[in-house]
Protein backbone atom coordinates (compact mmCIF):
# COMPACT_ATOMS: atom_id res chain seq x y z
CA MET A 1 -17.24 154.33 9.47
CA ILE A 2 -13.97 152.96 8.04
CA LYS A 3 -13.93 150.13 10.60
CA ASP A 4 -17.48 149.18 9.54
CA VAL A 5 -16.38 148.98 5.89
CA GLU A 6 -13.31 146.91 6.78
CA GLU A 7 -15.46 144.53 8.83
CA LEU A 8 -17.96 144.28 5.99
CA ILE A 9 -15.18 143.39 3.52
CA LYS A 10 -13.72 140.77 5.86
CA GLU A 11 -17.12 139.21 6.48
CA SER A 12 -18.00 139.19 2.77
CA GLU A 13 -14.75 137.33 2.01
CA LYS A 14 -15.86 134.61 4.43
CA VAL A 15 -19.35 134.35 2.94
CA LEU A 16 -18.61 134.73 -0.79
CA PRO A 17 -16.90 131.86 -2.60
CA SER A 18 -13.30 132.34 -3.53
CA GLU A 19 -12.15 132.81 -7.11
CA ASP A 20 -10.65 129.29 -7.13
CA LEU A 21 -13.99 127.82 -6.16
CA LEU A 22 -15.72 129.61 -9.02
CA ILE A 23 -13.11 128.47 -11.53
CA GLU A 24 -13.45 124.89 -10.29
CA ALA A 25 -17.23 125.08 -10.60
CA VAL A 26 -16.98 126.36 -14.18
CA ARG A 27 -14.53 123.55 -15.04
CA ASP A 28 -16.95 120.99 -13.62
CA ILE A 29 -19.78 122.43 -15.72
CA MET A 30 -17.57 122.33 -18.83
CA LYS A 31 -16.60 118.71 -18.11
CA GLU A 32 -20.25 117.73 -17.85
CA GLU A 33 -21.02 119.46 -21.16
CA ILE A 34 -18.14 117.65 -22.86
CA LYS A 35 -19.24 114.31 -21.39
CA GLU A 36 -22.78 114.86 -22.63
CA TYR A 37 -21.49 115.77 -26.13
CA ILE A 38 -19.37 112.60 -26.24
CA ARG A 39 -22.28 110.47 -25.02
CA GLU A 40 -24.51 111.83 -27.78
CA LYS A 41 -21.89 111.08 -30.44
CA MET A 42 -21.41 107.56 -29.07
CA LYS A 43 -25.17 106.92 -29.14
CA LYS A 44 -25.22 107.86 -32.82
CA ASN A 45 -22.31 105.53 -33.62
CA PRO A 46 -22.36 102.24 -31.65
CA GLU A 47 -19.22 101.01 -33.43
CA ILE A 48 -17.15 103.74 -31.82
CA LYS A 49 -18.69 102.90 -28.45
CA ASP A 50 -17.62 99.25 -28.88
CA GLU A 51 -14.12 100.27 -29.98
CA ILE A 52 -13.74 102.53 -26.95
CA ARG A 53 -14.97 99.76 -24.64
CA LYS A 54 -12.47 97.27 -26.13
CA ALA A 55 -9.65 99.79 -25.88
CA MET A 56 -10.51 100.54 -22.25
CA LEU A 57 -10.48 96.82 -21.40
CA LEU A 58 -7.08 96.42 -23.08
CA TYR A 59 -5.78 99.46 -21.23
CA ILE A 60 -7.01 98.22 -17.85
CA GLY A 61 -5.56 94.77 -18.57
CA ALA A 62 -2.20 96.34 -19.42
CA LYS A 63 -2.23 98.35 -16.18
CA VAL A 64 -2.95 95.18 -14.18
CA LYS A 65 -0.04 93.44 -15.92
CA GLU A 66 2.18 96.45 -15.18
CA ILE A 67 1.31 96.25 -11.47
CA GLU A 68 1.85 92.49 -11.50
CA ALA A 69 5.29 92.95 -13.10
CA ALA A 70 6.24 95.65 -10.59
CA THR A 71 5.17 93.38 -7.73
CA LEU A 72 7.20 90.46 -9.08
CA MET A 73 10.20 92.75 -9.54
CA SER A 74 9.89 94.03 -5.96
CA LYS A 75 9.66 90.46 -4.66
CA ALA A 76 12.74 89.39 -6.62
CA LEU A 77 14.72 92.44 -5.49
CA GLY A 78 13.66 91.80 -1.89
CA GLU A 79 14.83 88.20 -2.12
CA LEU A 80 18.10 89.34 -3.68
CA GLY A 81 18.59 91.78 -0.83
CA ILE A 82 17.94 89.12 1.79
CA ILE A 83 20.29 86.53 0.27
CA SER A 84 22.97 89.21 -0.05
CA LEU A 85 23.01 89.92 3.69
CA PRO A 86 25.74 88.53 5.92
CA PRO A 87 24.48 85.46 7.85
CA GLU A 88 24.23 87.15 11.29
CA ILE A 89 22.31 90.16 9.91
CA LYS A 90 20.16 87.89 7.74
CA LYS A 91 19.11 85.85 10.80
CA GLU A 92 18.24 89.02 12.75
CA PHE A 93 16.35 90.49 9.77
CA ILE A 94 14.24 87.35 9.27
CA SER A 95 13.48 87.25 13.01
CA ASN A 96 12.37 90.91 12.96
CA MET A 97 10.24 90.32 9.85
CA TYR A 98 8.55 87.36 11.51
CA LYS A 99 7.81 89.44 14.61
CA MET A 100 6.31 92.20 12.45
CA PHE A 101 4.04 89.82 10.56
CA GLN A 102 3.57 87.10 13.18
CA LYS A 103 -0.17 87.65 13.50
CA GLU A 104 -0.76 87.48 9.73
CA ILE A 105 1.50 84.43 9.34
CA ASP A 106 -0.28 82.61 12.18
CA GLU A 107 -3.69 83.40 10.65
CA MET A 108 -2.57 82.06 7.25
CA LEU A 109 -1.21 78.89 8.86
CA GLU A 110 -4.47 78.34 10.76
CA LYS A 111 -6.49 78.71 7.56
CA THR A 112 -4.33 76.23 5.66
CA LEU A 113 -4.10 73.56 8.37
């Protein structure tokens, strides 16, 4: 009898959702309720909707500029690293880089010529 109960408990744990899953489901439901509440308030006040849209566009633009700046900084630091190498290591490094990206470089050259 005890083995049957133990088996039943083990099987029910497999079938029933875990506590984490239930908490996540409740959070998702709450998020949807909050979204719906915000949407209703925005429908009643179009000015706020426009302000939020403008703010979001500014925010996204700022994030793009941040990524652009980080990319430029990485490029500059990479160039600094390369010009700082001793000549023999620099030559080997550039050769290895070309080998790594040879296919992409060749494709770009073919497109431009």
